[in-house]
Amino acid sequence: MREPLRKVTVNLPARTLENAQRMTGKGITPTIVEGLHELERRAKRSALRGLRGRVRFGLDLEETRR
């Protein structure tokens, strides 16, 4: 099932949008979507870093290599 879409109107700095499109090699909508996904990934990485030292994780490297 596809996620519902929302149509939005935004004012963006032209140079910033052009640079982002050049980096992604995509059009406006896919570039914006990719940027929003990157913000989600960044927030998740930050949340994981916040758990550092709080989660006990036991892993036997020799056992996993077999």
PDB file of N, CA and C in Angstrom:
ATOM      1  N   MET A   1       0.841  -1.187   0.000  1.00  0.00           N
ATOM      2  CA  MET A   1       0.000   0.000   0.000  1.00  0.00           C
ATOM      3  C   MET A   1       0.885   1.249   0.000  1.00  0.00           C
ATOM      4  N   ARG A   2       0.577   2.149  -0.871  1.00  0.00           N
ATOM      5  CA  ARG A   2       1.363   3.374  -0.988  1.00  0.00           C
ATOM      6  C   ARG A   2       0.989   4.371   0.088  1.00  0.00           C
ATOM      7  N   GLU A   3       1.962   5.113   0.508  1.00  0.00           N
ATOM      8  CA  GLU A   3       1.746   6.153   1.504  1.00  0.00           C
ATOM      9  C   GLU A   3       0.953   7.296   0.862  1.00  0.00           C
ATOM     10  N   PRO A   4      -0.009   7.870   1.584  1.00  0.00           N
ATOM     11  CA  PRO A   4      -0.771   8.993   1.014  1.00  0.00           C
ATOM     12  C   PRO A   4       0.161  10.180   0.743  1.00  0.00           C
ATOM     13  N   LEU A   5      -0.164  10.940  -0.259  1.00  0.00           N
ATOM     14  CA  LEU A   5       0.649  12.095  -0.640  1.00  0.00           C
ATOM     15  C   LEU A   5      -0.009  13.382  -0.168  1.00  0.00           C
ATOM     16  N   ARG A   6       0.823  14.396   0.052  1.00  0.00           N
ATOM     17  CA  ARG A   6       0.324  15.732   0.367  1.00  0.00           C
ATOM     18  C   ARG A   6       0.954  16.701  -0.610  1.00  0.00           C
ATOM     19  N   LYS A   7       0.146  17.572  -1.135  1.00  0.00           N
ATOM     20  CA  LYS A   7       0.663  18.610  -2.022  1.00  0.00           C
ATOM     21  C   LYS A   7       0.961  19.832  -1.161  1.00  0.00           C
ATOM     22  N   VAL A   8       2.175  20.367  -1.313  1.00  0.00           N
ATOM     23  CA  VAL A   8       2.576  21.529  -0.526  1.00  0.00           C
ATOM     24  C   VAL A   8       3.179  22.581  -1.449  1.00  0.00           C
ATOM     25  N   THR A   9       3.116  23.802  -1.002  1.00  0.00           N
ATOM     26  CA  THR A   9       3.751  24.899  -1.717  1.00  0.00           C
ATOM     27  C   THR A   9       4.798  25.483  -0.782  1.00  0.00           C
ATOM     28  N   VAL A  10       6.024  25.555  -1.254  1.00  0.00           N
ATOM     29  CA  VAL A  10       7.097  26.088  -0.421  1.00  0.00           C
ATOM     30  C   VAL A  10       7.935  27.066  -1.234  1.00  0.00           C
ATOM     31  N   ASN A  11       8.533  27.993  -0.546  1.00  0.00           N
ATOM     32  CA  ASN A  11       9.484  28.914  -1.163  1.00  0.00           C
ATOM     33  C   ASN A  11      10.873  28.476  -0.733  1.00  0.00           C
ATOM     34  N   LEU A  12      11.699  28.118  -1.708  1.00  0.00           N
ATOM     35  CA  LEU A  12      13.043  27.621  -1.438  1.00  0.00           C
ATOM     36  C   LEU A  12      14.077  28.517  -2.099  1.00  0.00           C
ATOM     37  N   PRO A  13      15.237  28.643  -1.494  1.00  0.00           N
ATOM     38  CA  PRO A  13      16.312  29.367  -2.161  1.00  0.00           C
ATOM     39  C   PRO A  13      16.676  28.635  -3.460  1.00  0.00           C
ATOM     40  N   ALA A  14      16.619  29.336  -4.563  1.00  0.00           N
ATOM     41  CA  ALA A  14      16.831  28.726  -5.878  1.00  0.00           C
ATOM     42  C   ALA A  14      18.183  28.024  -5.972  1.00  0.00           C
ATOM     43  N   ARG A  15      19.229  28.665  -5.503  1.00  0.00           N
ATOM     44  CA  ARG A  15      20.565  28.075  -5.611  1.00  0.00           C
ATOM     45  C   ARG A  15      20.659  26.791  -4.791  1.00  0.00           C
ATOM     46  N   THR A  16      20.046  26.789  -3.619  1.00  0.00           N
ATOM     47  CA  THR A  16      20.070  25.590  -2.763  1.00  0.00           C
ATOM     48  C   THR A  16      19.359  24.436  -3.451  1.00  0.00           C
ATOM     49  N   LEU A  17      18.208  24.713  -4.033  1.00  0.00           N
ATOM     50  CA  LEU A  17      17.459  23.673  -4.738  1.00  0.00           C
ATOM     51  C   LEU A  17      18.245  23.169  -5.948  1.00  0.00           C
ATOM     52  N   GLU A  18      18.825  24.082  -6.706  1.00  0.00           N
ATOM     53  CA  GLU A  18      19.608  23.692  -7.881  1.00  0.00           C
ATOM     54  C   GLU A  18      20.801  22.825  -7.484  1.00  0.00           C
ATOM     55  N   ASN A  19      21.482  23.195  -6.403  1.00  0.00           N
ATOM     56  CA  ASN A  19      22.624  22.402  -5.932  1.00  0.00           C
ATOM     57  C   ASN A  19      22.165  21.015  -5.494  1.00  0.00           C
ATOM     58  N   ALA A  20      21.064  20.953  -4.789  1.00  0.00           N
ATOM     59  CA  ALA A  20      20.546  19.663  -4.329  1.00  0.00           C
ATOM     60  C   ALA A  20      20.153  18.790  -5.518  1.00  0.00           C
ATOM     61  N   GLN A  21      19.513  19.377  -6.521  1.00  0.00           N
ATOM     62  CA  GLN A  21      19.130  18.620  -7.710  1.00  0.00           C
ATOM     63  C   GLN A  21      20.364  18.124  -8.461  1.00  0.00           C
ATOM     64  N   ARG A  22      21.385  18.931  -8.491  1.00  0.00           N
ATOM     65  CA  ARG A  22      22.622  18.529  -9.155  1.00  0.00           C
ATOM     66  C   ARG A  22      23.232  17.338  -8.413  1.00  0.00           C
ATOM     67  N   MET A  23      23.184  17.368  -7.074  1.00  0.00           N
ATOM     68  CA  MET A  23      23.760  16.281  -6.279  1.00  0.00           C
ATOM     69  C   MET A  23      22.972  14.984  -6.435  1.00  0.00           C
ATOM     70  N   THR A  24      21.642  15.093  -6.484  1.00  0.00           N
ATOM     71  CA  THR A  24      20.827  13.879  -6.593  1.00  0.00           C
ATOM     72  C   THR A  24      20.675  13.420  -8.027  1.00  0.00           C
ATOM     73  N   GLY A  25      20.780  14.343  -8.963  1.00  0.00           N
ATOM     74  CA  GLY A  25      20.546  14.002 -10.362  1.00  0.00           C
ATOM     75  C   GLY A  25      19.071  13.751 -10.638  1.00  0.00           C
ATOM     76  N   LYS A  26      18.204  14.287  -9.777  1.00  0.00           N
ATOM     77  CA  LYS A  26      16.760  14.056  -9.892  1.00  0.00           C
ATOM     78  C   LYS A  26      16.022  15.378 -10.003  1.00  0.00           C
ATOM     79  N   GLY A  27      14.727  15.284 -10.235  1.00  0.00           N
ATOM     80  CA  GLY A  27      13.869  16.452 -10.315  1.00  0.00           C
ATOM     81  C   GLY A  27      13.581  17.027  -8.943  1.00  0.00           C
ATOM     82  N   ILE A  28      12.718  18.038  -8.922  1.00  0.00           N
ATOM     83  CA  ILE A  28      12.422  18.751  -7.681  1.00  0.00           C
ATOM     84  C   ILE A  28      11.795  17.838  -6.631  1.00  0.00           C
ATOM     85  N   THR A  29      10.690  17.176  -6.967  1.00  0.00           N
ATOM     86  CA  THR A  29       9.999  16.355  -5.968  1.00  0.00           C
ATOM     87  C   THR A  29      10.884  15.231  -5.428  1.00  0.00           C
ATOM     88  N   PRO A  30      11.526  14.432  -6.284  1.00  0.00           N
ATOM     89  CA  PRO A  30      12.388  13.375  -5.738  1.00  0.00           C
ATOM     90  C   PRO A  30      13.543  13.922  -4.894  1.00  0.00           C
ATOM     91  N   THR A  31      14.046  15.087  -5.245  1.00  0.00           N
ATOM     92  CA  THR A  31      15.128  15.697  -4.473  1.00  0.00           C
ATOM     93  C   THR A  31      14.641  16.085  -3.088  1.00  0.00           C
ATOM     94  N   ILE A  32      13.473  16.703  -3.019  1.00  0.00           N
ATOM     95  CA  ILE A  32      12.902  17.102  -1.726  1.00  0.00           C
ATOM     96  C   ILE A  32      12.611  15.862  -0.879  1.00  0.00           C
ATOM     97  N   VAL A  33      12.032  14.830  -1.488  1.00  0.00           N
ATOM     98  CA  VAL A  33      11.722  13.596  -0.760  1.00  0.00           C
ATOM     99  C   VAL A  33      13.002  12.968  -0.223  1.00  0.00           C
ATOM    100  N   GLU A  34      14.037  12.926  -1.040  1.00  0.00           N
ATOM    101  CA  GLU A  34      15.311  12.361  -0.590  1.00  0.00           C
ATOM    102  C   GLU A  34      15.874  13.155   0.587  1.00  0.00           C
ATOM    103  N   GLY A  35      15.754  14.468   0.537  1.00  0.00           N
ATOM    104  CA  GLY A  35      16.220  15.307   1.646  1.00  0.00           C
ATOM    105  C   GLY A  35      15.438  15.042   2.924  1.00  0.00           C
ATOM    106  N   LEU A  36      14.135  14.863   2.809  1.00  0.00           N
ATOM    107  CA  LEU A  36      13.316  14.565   3.984  1.00  0.00           C
ATOM    108  C   LEU A  36      13.657  13.198   4.562  1.00  0.00           C
ATOM    109  N   HIS A  37      13.918  12.226   3.697  1.00  0.00           N
ATOM    110  CA  HIS A  37      14.325  10.905   4.171  1.00  0.00           C
ATOM    111  C   HIS A  37      15.665  10.990   4.896  1.00  0.00           C
ATOM    112  N   GLU A  38      16.558  11.808   4.395  1.00  0.00           N
ATOM    113  CA  GLU A  38      17.853  11.972   5.052  1.00  0.00           C
ATOM    114  C   GLU A  38      17.680  12.580   6.446  1.00  0.00           C
ATOM    115  N   LEU A  39      16.748  13.504   6.610  1.00  0.00           N
ATOM    116  CA  LEU A  39      16.480  14.061   7.936  1.00  0.00           C
ATOM    117  C   LEU A  39      15.980  12.975   8.889  1.00  0.00           C
ATOM    118  N   GLU A  40      15.129  12.075   8.394  1.00  0.00           N
ATOM    119  CA  GLU A  40      14.652  10.953   9.213  1.00  0.00           C
ATOM    120  C   GLU A  40      15.826  10.061   9.630  1.00  0.00           C
ATOM    121  N   ARG A  41      16.697   9.734   8.666  1.00  0.00           N
ATOM    122  CA  ARG A  41      17.844   8.878   8.973  1.00  0.00           C
ATOM    123  C   ARG A  41      18.760   9.537   9.999  1.00  0.00           C
ATOM    124  N   ARG A  42      18.972  10.838   9.857  1.00  0.00           N
ATOM    125  CA  ARG A  42      19.829  11.563  10.793  1.00  0.00           C
ATOM    126  C   ARG A  42      19.255  11.506  12.209  1.00  0.00           C
ATOM    127  N   ALA A  43      17.951  11.701  12.337  1.00  0.00           N
ATOM    128  CA  ALA A  43      17.309  11.642  13.656  1.00  0.00           C
ATOM    129  C   ALA A  43      17.437  10.248  14.261  1.00  0.00           C
ATOM    130  N   LYS A  44      17.287   9.205  13.450  1.00  0.00           N
ATOM    131  CA  LYS A  44      17.412   7.835  13.946  1.00  0.00           C
ATOM    132  C   LYS A  44      18.845   7.543  14.398  1.00  0.00           C
ATOM    133  N   ARG A  45      19.826   7.998  13.617  1.00  0.00           N
ATOM    134  CA  ARG A  45      21.229   7.797  14.010  1.00  0.00           C
ATOM    135  C   ARG A  45      21.524   8.506  15.329  1.00  0.00           C
ATOM    136  N   SER A  46      20.989   9.713  15.471  1.00  0.00           N
ATOM    137  CA  SER A  46      21.197  10.475  16.698  1.00  0.00           C
ATOM    138  C   SER A  46      20.580   9.749  17.892  1.00  0.00           C
ATOM    139  N   ALA A  47      19.384   9.191  17.697  1.00  0.00           N
ATOM    140  CA  ALA A  47      18.723   8.452  18.780  1.00  0.00           C
ATOM    141  C   ALA A  47      19.542   7.218  19.150  1.00  0.00           C
ATOM    142  N   LEU A  48      20.100   6.543  18.166  1.00  0.00           N
ATOM    143  CA  LEU A  48      20.936   5.370  18.450  1.00  0.00           C
ATOM    144  C   LEU A  48      22.202   5.761  19.201  1.00  0.00           C
ATOM    145  N   ARG A  49      22.807   6.880  18.809  1.00  0.00           N
ATOM    146  CA  ARG A  49      23.998   7.352  19.517  1.00  0.00           C
ATOM    147  C   ARG A  49      23.676   7.665  20.975  1.00  0.00           C
ATOM    148  N   GLY A  50      22.444   8.124  21.225  1.00  0.00           N
ATOM    149  CA  GLY A  50      22.026   8.424  22.588  1.00  0.00           C
ATOM    150  C   GLY A  50      21.954   7.186  23.456  1.00  0.00           C
ATOM    151  N   LEU A  51      21.863   6.016  22.848  1.00  0.00           N
ATOM    152  CA  LEU A  51      21.811   4.764  23.599  1.00  0.00           C
ATOM    153  C   LEU A  51      23.191   4.217  23.927  1.00  0.00           C
ATOM    154  N   ARG A  52      24.225   4.832  23.396  1.00  0.00           N
ATOM    155  CA  ARG A  52      25.587   4.335  23.588  1.00  0.00           C
ATOM    156  C   ARG A  52      25.883   4.176  25.083  1.00  0.00           C
ATOM    157  N   GLY A  53      26.325   2.988  25.432  1.00  0.00           N
ATOM    158  CA  GLY A  53      26.664   2.708  26.815  1.00  0.00           C
ATOM    159  C   GLY A  53      25.481   2.279  27.672  1.00  0.00           C
ATOM    160  N   ARG A  54      24.283   2.297  27.132  1.00  0.00           N
ATOM    161  CA  ARG A  54      23.087   1.942  27.895  1.00  0.00           C
ATOM    162  C   ARG A  54      22.532   0.575  27.536  1.00  0.00           C
ATOM    163  N   VAL A  55      22.977   0.040  26.423  1.00  0.00           N
ATOM    164  CA  VAL A  55      22.479  -1.259  25.974  1.00  0.00           C
ATOM    165  C   VAL A  55      23.610  -2.273  26.091  1.00  0.00           C
ATOM    166  N   ARG A  56      23.339  -3.339  26.799  1.00  0.00           N
ATOM    167  CA  ARG A  56      24.341  -4.403  26.923  1.00  0.00           C
ATOM    168  C   ARG A  56      24.154  -5.356  25.755  1.00  0.00           C
ATOM    169  N   PHE A  57      25.252  -5.611  25.077  1.00  0.00           N
ATOM    170  CA  PHE A  57      25.208  -6.443  23.887  1.00  0.00           C
ATOM    171  C   PHE A  57      26.329  -7.452  23.964  1.00  0.00           C
ATOM    172  N   GLY A  58      25.969  -8.726  24.073  1.00  0.00           N
ATOM    173  CA  GLY A  58      26.978  -9.763  24.145  1.00  0.00           C
ATOM    174  C   GLY A  58      27.091 -10.472  22.807  1.00  0.00           C
ATOM    175  N   LEU A  59      28.305 -10.480  22.255  1.00  0.00           N
ATOM    176  CA  LEU A  59      28.511 -11.104  20.962  1.00  0.00           C
ATOM    177  C   LEU A  59      29.853 -11.820  20.983  1.00  0.00           C
ATOM    178  N   ASP A  60      29.821 -13.086  20.638  1.00  0.00           N
ATOM    179  CA  ASP A  60      31.049 -13.876  20.559  1.00  0.00           C
ATOM    180  C   ASP A  60      31.498 -13.876  19.103  1.00  0.00           C
ATOM    181  N   LEU A  61      32.521 -13.096  18.813  1.00  0.00           N
ATOM    182  CA  LEU A  61      32.987 -12.962  17.432  1.00  0.00           C
ATOM    183  C   LEU A  61      33.421 -14.297  16.848  1.00  0.00           C
ATOM    184  N   GLU A  62      34.106 -15.113  17.643  1.00  0.00           N
ATOM    185  CA  GLU A  62      34.554 -16.405  17.132  1.00  0.00           C
ATOM    186  C   GLU A  62      33.354 -17.279  16.745  1.00  0.00           C
ATOM    187  N   GLU A  63      32.300 -17.231  17.537  1.00  0.00           N
ATOM    188  CA  GLU A  63      31.100 -18.038  17.250  1.00  0.00           C
ATOM    189  C   GLU A  63      30.407 -17.546  15.982  1.00  0.00           C
ATOM    190  N   THR A  64      30.355 -16.248  15.780  1.00  0.00           N
ATOM    191  CA  THR A  64      29.660 -15.715  14.594  1.00  0.00           C
ATOM    192  C   THR A  64      30.442 -15.972  13.315  1.00  0.00           C
ATOM    193  N   ARG A  65      31.731 -16.172  13.431  1.00  0.00           N
ATOM    194  CA  ARG A  65      32.563 -16.404  12.243  1.00  0.00           C
ATOM    195  C   ARG A  65      32.469 -17.857  11.743  1.00  0.00           C
ATOM    196  N   ARG A  66      31.881 -18.727  12.522  1.00  0.00           N
ATOM    197  CA  ARG A  66      31.776 -20.140  12.122  1.00  0.00           C
ATOM    198  C   ARG A  66      30.643 -20.369  11.197  1.00  0.00           C
TER     199      ARG A  66
END
